[in-house]
Protein backbone atom coordinates (compact mmCIF):
# COMPACT_ATOMS: atom_id res chain seq x y z
CA MET A 1 89.32 18.29 198.78
CA GLN A 2 88.92 18.37 195.04
CA SER A 3 91.29 15.46 194.72
CA GLU A 4 89.10 13.49 197.14
CA VAL A 5 86.01 14.26 195.06
CA ILE A 6 87.85 13.28 191.88
CA ASP A 7 89.04 10.07 193.56
CA ASP A 8 85.46 9.34 194.67
CA ILE A 9 84.15 9.93 191.13
CA LEU A 10 86.85 7.69 189.65
CA SER A 11 86.12 5.07 192.27
CA VAL A 12 82.40 5.18 191.43
CA GLU A 13 83.21 4.96 187.70
CA ASP A 14 85.46 1.94 188.37
CA GLU A 15 82.71 0.35 190.42
CA ALA A 16 80.17 1.00 187.63
CA ALA A 17 82.53 -0.50 185.04
CA LYS A 18 82.98 -3.56 187.25
CA ILE A 19 79.19 -3.91 187.66
CA ILE A 20 78.72 -3.69 183.88
CA GLU A 21 81.49 -6.24 183.27
CA ASP A 22 80.00 -8.66 185.82
CA ALA A 23 76.53 -8.22 184.32
CA GLU A 24 77.84 -8.95 180.82
CA LYS A 25 79.60 -12.09 182.08
CA GLU A 26 76.44 -13.20 183.88
CA ALA A 27 74.32 -12.54 180.78
CA GLN A 28 76.72 -14.57 178.62
CA SER A 29 76.63 -17.40 181.16
CA ILE A 30 72.81 -17.39 181.15
CA ILE A 31 72.78 -17.44 177.33
CA ASN A 32 75.28 -20.33 177.22
CA ASP A 33 73.23 -22.31 179.75
CA ALA A 34 70.05 -21.70 177.74
CA HIS A 35 71.77 -22.87 174.54
CA GLN A 36 73.00 -26.03 176.25
CA LYS A 37 69.56 -26.80 177.68
CA ALA A 38 67.90 -26.17 174.30
CA ALA A 39 70.43 -28.43 172.54
CA ALA A 40 69.84 -31.17 175.10
CA GLU A 41 66.06 -30.91 174.69
CA ILE A 42 66.35 -30.98 170.89
CA ASN A 43 68.63 -34.02 171.02
CA ALA A 44 66.23 -35.77 173.39
CA ALA A 45 63.29 -35.01 171.08
CA ILE A 46 65.22 -36.31 168.07
CA ALA A 47 66.13 -39.49 169.93
CA GLN A 48 62.50 -39.99 170.99
CA SER A 49 61.31 -39.48 167.40
CA ALA A 50 63.83 -42.04 166.22
CA ARG A 51 62.61 -44.54 168.83
CA ASP A 52 58.98 -43.87 167.91
CA GLY A 53 59.76 -44.28 164.22
CA GLN A 54 61.60 -47.53 164.85
CA ALA A 55 58.69 -48.84 166.91
CA SER A 56 56.24 -47.91 164.14
CA LEU A 57 58.42 -49.62 161.56
CA GLU A 58 58.67 -52.78 163.66
CA GLU A 59 54.88 -52.80 164.14
CA ALA A 60 54.32 -52.39 160.39
CA GLU A 61 56.77 -55.22 159.65
CA ARG A 62 55.04 -57.46 162.20
CA ALA A 63 51.62 -56.73 160.68
CA MET A 64 52.96 -57.32 157.17
CA ASN A 65 54.52 -60.65 158.21
CA GLU A 66 51.25 -61.74 159.81
CA HIS A 67 49.35 -60.81 156.67
CA LEU A 68 51.84 -62.66 154.46
CA GLN A 69 51.59 -65.69 156.74
CA GLU A 70 47.79 -65.64 156.43
CA LEU A 71 48.02 -65.41 152.66
CA GLN A 72 50.53 -68.24 152.54
CA GLU A 73 48.23 -70.40 154.68
CA LYS A 74 45.37 -69.71 152.29
CA LEU A 75 47.54 -70.69 149.34
CA ASP A 76 48.73 -73.86 151.09
CA ASP A 77 45.24 -74.94 152.20
CA PRO A 78 42.55 -74.68 149.52
CA ALA A 79 39.86 -74.99 152.19
CA LYS A 80 40.96 -71.58 153.53
CA ALA A 81 40.96 -70.00 150.09
CA PRO A 82 38.21 -67.51 149.48
CA ASP A 83 35.22 -68.69 147.47
CA LEU A 84 35.32 -67.23 143.98
CA PRO A 85 32.19 -66.62 141.97
CA GLU A 86 31.59 -69.39 139.47
CA ASP A 87 31.45 -67.03 136.48
CA LEU A 88 34.87 -65.58 137.46
CA VAL A 89 36.38 -69.06 137.66
CA GLU A 90 34.79 -69.94 134.30
CA ARG A 91 36.18 -66.82 132.58
CA ALA A 92 39.63 -67.38 134.09
CA SER A 93 39.72 -71.00 132.98
CA ASP A 94 38.57 -70.02 129.47
CA ARG A 95 41.38 -67.48 129.21
CA ILE A 96 43.94 -70.01 130.45
CA VAL A 97 42.76 -72.60 127.94
CA SER A 98 42.82 -70.02 125.12
CA ARG A 99 46.39 -69.02 125.93
CA ILE A 100 47.54 -72.60 126.16
CA LEU A 101 45.92 -73.39 122.81
CA SER A 102 47.36 -70.29 121.13
CA THR A 103 50.81 -71.05 122.53
CA GLY A 104 50.57 -74.66 121.35
CA SER A 105 49.62 -73.62 117.81
CA ARG A 106 52.58 -71.22 117.60
CA ASN A 107 55.02 -73.89 118.65
CA ALA A 108 53.67 -76.43 116.21
């Protein structure tokens, strides 16, 4: 009878050890799955950020090219050039003339 009780105890201990082992394997599997899902979500977020950044860059380049085109059109067509105050034009022309004259006297 005692041997039966001992066998039952050992059997219960073996069963408990098996339950613990299975639980540890299941826990490790759950952790691995969570890591894989987290890595996939992080990679997806990184890829989306890269796409968003590229789209922003392309939009900025498009806006810059439009602005440069507008400026070039203004340079090519004096009628589209902004009106400058007369005193500003006068001062600029005086400075240009002064520089030309001072350069001419140095070269003479």
